[in-house]
Amino acid sequence: MAGDRAWVGILYSQRMDGRIRCEVSSPIALAQNYNGPCFQGWVPAETVVLFAG
């Protein structure tokens, strides 16, 4: 059931060249509304692979 999944909030630039910064520099512990210039969404945690770049 979808309600049993862990979800991860993501932000991504509106431009393919990445020149728009999302104005977030570190993880945020508590859920809150995002009001910056980027798109936002939620994805299942098991689909996320973290890497440094």
PDB file of N, CA and C in Angstrom:
ATOM      1  N   MET A   1       0.838  -1.175   0.000  1.00  0.00           N
ATOM      2  CA  MET A   1       0.000   0.000   0.000  1.00  0.00           C
ATOM      3  C   MET A   1       0.890   1.248   0.000  1.00  0.00           C
ATOM      4  N   ALA A   2       0.531   2.265  -0.780  1.00  0.00           N
ATOM      5  CA  ALA A   2       1.338   3.476  -0.935  1.00  0.00           C
ATOM      6  C   ALA A   2       1.539   4.211   0.384  1.00  0.00           C
ATOM      7  N   GLY A   3       0.586   4.145   1.305  1.00  0.00           N
ATOM      8  CA  GLY A   3       0.702   4.835   2.568  1.00  0.00           C
ATOM      9  C   GLY A   3       1.787   4.270   3.468  1.00  0.00           C
ATOM     10  N   ASP A   4       2.229   3.034   3.203  1.00  0.00           N
ATOM     11  CA  ASP A   4       3.265   2.391   4.003  1.00  0.00           C
ATOM     12  C   ASP A   4       4.673   2.740   3.530  1.00  0.00           C
ATOM     13  N   ARG A   5       4.806   3.409   2.389  1.00  0.00           N
ATOM     14  CA  ARG A   5       6.111   3.748   1.832  1.00  0.00           C
ATOM     15  C   ARG A   5       6.739   4.948   2.532  1.00  0.00           C
ATOM     16  N   ALA A   6       8.071   4.992   2.512  1.00  0.00           N
ATOM     17  CA  ALA A   6       8.804   6.188   2.937  1.00  0.00           C
ATOM     18  C   ALA A   6       8.989   7.061   1.700  1.00  0.00           C
ATOM     19  N   TRP A   7       8.807   8.361   1.849  1.00  0.00           N
ATOM     20  CA  TRP A   7       8.896   9.292   0.721  1.00  0.00           C
ATOM     21  C   TRP A   7      10.000  10.308   0.952  1.00  0.00           C
ATOM     22  N   VAL A   8      10.604  10.782  -0.132  1.00  0.00           N
ATOM     23  CA  VAL A   8      11.669  11.778  -0.081  1.00  0.00           C
ATOM     24  C   VAL A   8      11.229  12.979  -0.906  1.00  0.00           C
ATOM     25  N   GLY A   9      11.293  14.173  -0.299  1.00  0.00           N
ATOM     26  CA  GLY A   9      10.986  15.402  -1.026  1.00  0.00           C
ATOM     27  C   GLY A   9      12.166  15.789  -1.903  1.00  0.00           C
ATOM     28  N   ILE A  10      11.906  16.177  -3.149  1.00  0.00           N
ATOM     29  CA  ILE A  10      12.981  16.574  -4.054  1.00  0.00           C
ATOM     30  C   ILE A  10      12.706  17.956  -4.636  1.00  0.00           C
ATOM     31  N   LEU A  11      13.763  18.650  -4.996  1.00  0.00           N
ATOM     32  CA  LEU A  11      13.705  19.925  -5.705  1.00  0.00           C
ATOM     33  C   LEU A  11      14.541  19.775  -6.957  1.00  0.00           C
ATOM     34  N   TYR A  12      14.109  20.369  -8.056  1.00  0.00           N
ATOM     35  CA  TYR A  12      14.910  20.305  -9.271  1.00  0.00           C
ATOM     36  C   TYR A  12      14.734  21.580 -10.077  1.00  0.00           C
ATOM     37  N   SER A  13      15.805  21.944 -10.768  1.00  0.00           N
ATOM     38  CA  SER A  13      15.854  23.181 -11.532  1.00  0.00           C
ATOM     39  C   SER A  13      14.870  23.137 -12.692  1.00  0.00           C
ATOM     40  N   GLN A  14      14.314  24.277 -13.015  1.00  0.00           N
ATOM     41  CA  GLN A  14      13.394  24.386 -14.149  1.00  0.00           C
ATOM     42  C   GLN A  14      14.143  24.384 -15.481  1.00  0.00           C
ATOM     43  N   ARG A  15      15.454  24.609 -15.432  1.00  0.00           N
ATOM     44  CA  ARG A  15      16.249  24.685 -16.652  1.00  0.00           C
ATOM     45  C   ARG A  15      17.176  23.485 -16.756  1.00  0.00           C
ATOM     46  N   MET A  16      17.338  22.976 -17.955  1.00  0.00           N
ATOM     47  CA  MET A  16      18.197  21.819 -18.178  1.00  0.00           C
ATOM     48  C   MET A  16      19.670  22.132 -17.917  1.00  0.00           C
ATOM     49  N   ASP A  17      20.091  23.392 -18.061  1.00  0.00           N
ATOM     50  CA  ASP A  17      21.494  23.739 -17.841  1.00  0.00           C
ATOM     51  C   ASP A  17      21.818  23.921 -16.360  1.00  0.00           C
ATOM     52  N   GLY A  18      20.818  23.823 -15.469  1.00  0.00           N
ATOM     53  CA  GLY A  18      21.030  23.905 -14.032  1.00  0.00           C
ATOM     54  C   GLY A  18      21.407  25.273 -13.511  1.00  0.00           C
ATOM     55  N   ARG A  19      21.194  26.328 -14.294  1.00  0.00           N
ATOM     56  CA  ARG A  19      21.616  27.659 -13.878  1.00  0.00           C
ATOM     57  C   ARG A  19      20.697  28.296 -12.837  1.00  0.00           C
ATOM     58  N   ILE A  20      19.564  27.723 -12.584  1.00  0.00           N
ATOM     59  CA  ILE A  20      18.690  28.220 -11.518  1.00  0.00           C
ATOM     60  C   ILE A  20      19.013  27.431 -10.254  1.00  0.00           C
ATOM     61  N   ARG A  21      19.373  28.124  -9.205  1.00  0.00           N
ATOM     62  CA  ARG A  21      19.664  27.488  -7.917  1.00  0.00           C
ATOM     63  C   ARG A  21      18.378  27.398  -7.114  1.00  0.00           C
ATOM     64  N   CYS A  22      18.205  26.297  -6.414  1.00  0.00           N
ATOM     65  CA  CYS A  22      16.974  26.075  -5.660  1.00  0.00           C
ATOM     66  C   CYS A  22      16.951  26.780  -4.309  1.00  0.00           C
ATOM     67  N   GLU A  23      18.039  27.442  -3.936  1.00  0.00           N
ATOM     68  CA  GLU A  23      18.128  28.235  -2.709  1.00  0.00           C
ATOM     69  C   GLU A  23      17.964  27.400  -1.444  1.00  0.00           C
ATOM     70  N   VAL A  24      18.419  26.152  -1.492  1.00  0.00           N
ATOM     71  CA  VAL A  24      18.432  25.277  -0.324  1.00  0.00           C
ATOM     72  C   VAL A  24      19.829  24.677  -0.258  1.00  0.00           C
ATOM     73  N   SER A  25      20.530  24.880   0.857  1.00  0.00           N
ATOM     74  CA  SER A  25      21.914  24.424   0.935  1.00  0.00           C
ATOM     75  C   SER A  25      22.126  23.200   1.820  1.00  0.00           C
ATOM     76  N   SER A  26      21.109  22.778   2.554  1.00  0.00           N
ATOM     77  CA  SER A  26      21.266  21.620   3.419  1.00  0.00           C
ATOM     78  C   SER A  26      19.903  20.958   3.631  1.00  0.00           C
ATOM     79  N   PRO A  27      19.919  19.690   4.070  1.00  0.00           N
ATOM     80  CA  PRO A  27      18.654  19.007   4.342  1.00  0.00           C
ATOM     81  C   PRO A  27      17.838  19.738   5.414  1.00  0.00           C
ATOM     82  N   ILE A  28      16.540  19.599   5.342  1.00  0.00           N
ATOM     83  CA  ILE A  28      15.631  20.203   6.315  1.00  0.00           C
ATOM     84  C   ILE A  28      14.956  19.066   7.073  1.00  0.00           C
ATOM     85  N   ALA A  29      15.098  19.069   8.396  1.00  0.00           N
ATOM     86  CA  ALA A  29      14.620  17.952   9.221  1.00  0.00           C
ATOM     87  C   ALA A  29      13.099  17.843   9.266  1.00  0.00           C
ATOM     88  N   LEU A  30      12.413  18.971   9.346  1.00  0.00           N
ATOM     89  CA  LEU A  30      10.956  18.945   9.462  1.00  0.00           C
ATOM     90  C   LEU A  30      10.296  19.329   8.143  1.00  0.00           C
ATOM     91  N   ALA A  31       9.209  18.672   7.828  1.00  0.00           N
ATOM     92  CA  ALA A  31       8.478  18.990   6.599  1.00  0.00           C
ATOM     93  C   ALA A  31       7.957  20.420   6.655  1.00  0.00           C
ATOM     94  N   GLN A  32       8.128  21.136   5.555  1.00  0.00           N
ATOM     95  CA  GLN A  32       7.623  22.495   5.454  1.00  0.00           C
ATOM     96  C   GLN A  32       7.427  22.852   3.989  1.00  0.00           C
ATOM     97  N   ASN A  33       6.663  23.882   3.725  1.00  0.00           N
ATOM     98  CA  ASN A  33       6.420  24.314   2.354  1.00  0.00           C
ATOM     99  C   ASN A  33       7.684  24.899   1.749  1.00  0.00           C
ATOM    100  N   TYR A  34       7.897  24.644   0.467  1.00  0.00           N
ATOM    101  CA  TYR A  34       9.014  25.211  -0.278  1.00  0.00           C
ATOM    102  C   TYR A  34       8.475  26.341  -1.143  1.00  0.00           C
ATOM    103  N   ASN A  35       9.098  27.512  -1.058  1.00  0.00           N
ATOM    104  CA  ASN A  35       8.631  28.671  -1.810  1.00  0.00           C
ATOM    105  C   ASN A  35       9.718  29.250  -2.709  1.00  0.00           C
ATOM    106  N   GLY A  36      10.660  28.423  -3.147  1.00  0.00           N
ATOM    107  CA  GLY A  36      11.751  28.889  -3.986  1.00  0.00           C
ATOM    108  C   GLY A  36      11.434  28.811  -5.466  1.00  0.00           C
ATOM    109  N   PRO A  37      12.463  29.015  -6.322  1.00  0.00           N
ATOM    110  CA  PRO A  37      12.268  29.099  -7.760  1.00  0.00           C
ATOM    111  C   PRO A  37      12.235  27.760  -8.495  1.00  0.00           C
ATOM    112  N   CYS A  38      12.438  26.643  -7.810  1.00  0.00           N
ATOM    113  CA  CYS A  38      12.518  25.342  -8.480  1.00  0.00           C
ATOM    114  C   CYS A  38      11.201  24.567  -8.403  1.00  0.00           C
ATOM    115  N   PHE A  39      11.116  23.513  -9.206  1.00  0.00           N
ATOM    116  CA  PHE A  39       9.997  22.586  -9.109  1.00  0.00           C
ATOM    117  C   PHE A  39      10.223  21.694  -7.902  1.00  0.00           C
ATOM    118  N   GLN A  40       9.156  21.101  -7.384  1.00  0.00           N
ATOM    119  CA  GLN A  40       9.264  20.213  -6.238  1.00  0.00           C
ATOM    120  C   GLN A  40       8.367  19.008  -6.428  1.00  0.00           C
ATOM    121  N   GLY A  41       8.656  17.949  -5.689  1.00  0.00           N
ATOM    122  CA  GLY A  41       7.825  16.759  -5.758  1.00  0.00           C
ATOM    123  C   GLY A  41       8.255  15.750  -4.714  1.00  0.00           C
ATOM    124  N   TRP A  42       7.596  14.609  -4.731  1.00  0.00           N
ATOM    125  CA  TRP A  42       7.883  13.522  -3.797  1.00  0.00           C
ATOM    126  C   TRP A  42       8.105  12.245  -4.592  1.00  0.00           C
ATOM    127  N   VAL A  43       9.088  11.442  -4.161  1.00  0.00           N
ATOM    128  CA  VAL A  43       9.364  10.153  -4.802  1.00  0.00           C
ATOM    129  C   VAL A  43       9.525   9.099  -3.714  1.00  0.00           C
ATOM    130  N   PRO A  44       9.227   7.836  -4.031  1.00  0.00           N
ATOM    131  CA  PRO A  44       9.440   6.774  -3.047  1.00  0.00           C
ATOM    132  C   PRO A  44      10.921   6.682  -2.680  1.00  0.00           C
ATOM    133  N   ALA A  45      11.224   6.565  -1.395  1.00  0.00           N
ATOM    134  CA  ALA A  45      12.608   6.550  -0.913  1.00  0.00           C
ATOM    135  C   ALA A  45      13.425   5.435  -1.562  1.00  0.00           C
ATOM    136  N   GLU A  46      12.818   4.301  -1.874  1.00  0.00           N
ATOM    137  CA  GLU A  46      13.591   3.180  -2.437  1.00  0.00           C
ATOM    138  C   GLU A  46      14.068   3.451  -3.869  1.00  0.00           C
ATOM    139  N   THR A  47      13.565   4.508  -4.501  1.00  0.00           N
ATOM    140  CA  THR A  47      14.003   4.846  -5.856  1.00  0.00           C
ATOM    141  C   THR A  47      15.134   5.875  -5.880  1.00  0.00           C
ATOM    142  N   VAL A  48      15.552   6.355  -4.704  1.00  0.00           N
ATOM    143  CA  VAL A  48      16.557   7.418  -4.621  1.00  0.00           C
ATOM    144  C   VAL A  48      17.941   6.818  -4.361  1.00  0.00           C
ATOM    145  N   VAL A  49      18.919   7.255  -5.154  1.00  0.00           N
ATOM    146  CA  VAL A  49      20.317   6.875  -4.947  1.00  0.00           C
ATOM    147  C   VAL A  49      21.074   8.151  -4.653  1.00  0.00           C
ATOM    148  N   LEU A  50      21.695   8.237  -3.479  1.00  0.00           N
ATOM    149  CA  LEU A  50      22.446   9.429  -3.090  1.00  0.00           C
ATOM    150  C   LEU A  50      23.885   9.312  -3.554  1.00  0.00           C
ATOM    151  N   PHE A  51      24.421  10.420  -4.084  1.00  0.00           N
ATOM    152  CA  PHE A  51      25.824  10.468  -4.482  1.00  0.00           C
ATOM    153  C   PHE A  51      26.312  11.897  -4.387  1.00  0.00           C
ATOM    154  N   ALA A  52      27.614  12.066  -4.242  1.00  0.00           N
ATOM    155  CA  ALA A  52      28.212  13.405  -4.178  1.00  0.00           C
ATOM    156  C   ALA A  52      28.535  13.854  -5.601  1.00  0.00           C
ATOM    157  N   GLY A  53      28.345  15.121  -5.863  1.00  0.00           N
ATOM    158  CA  GLY A  53      28.617  15.574  -7.220  1.00  0.00           C
ATOM    159  C   GLY A  53      28.821  16.974  -7.360  1.00  0.00           C
TER     160      GLY A  53
END
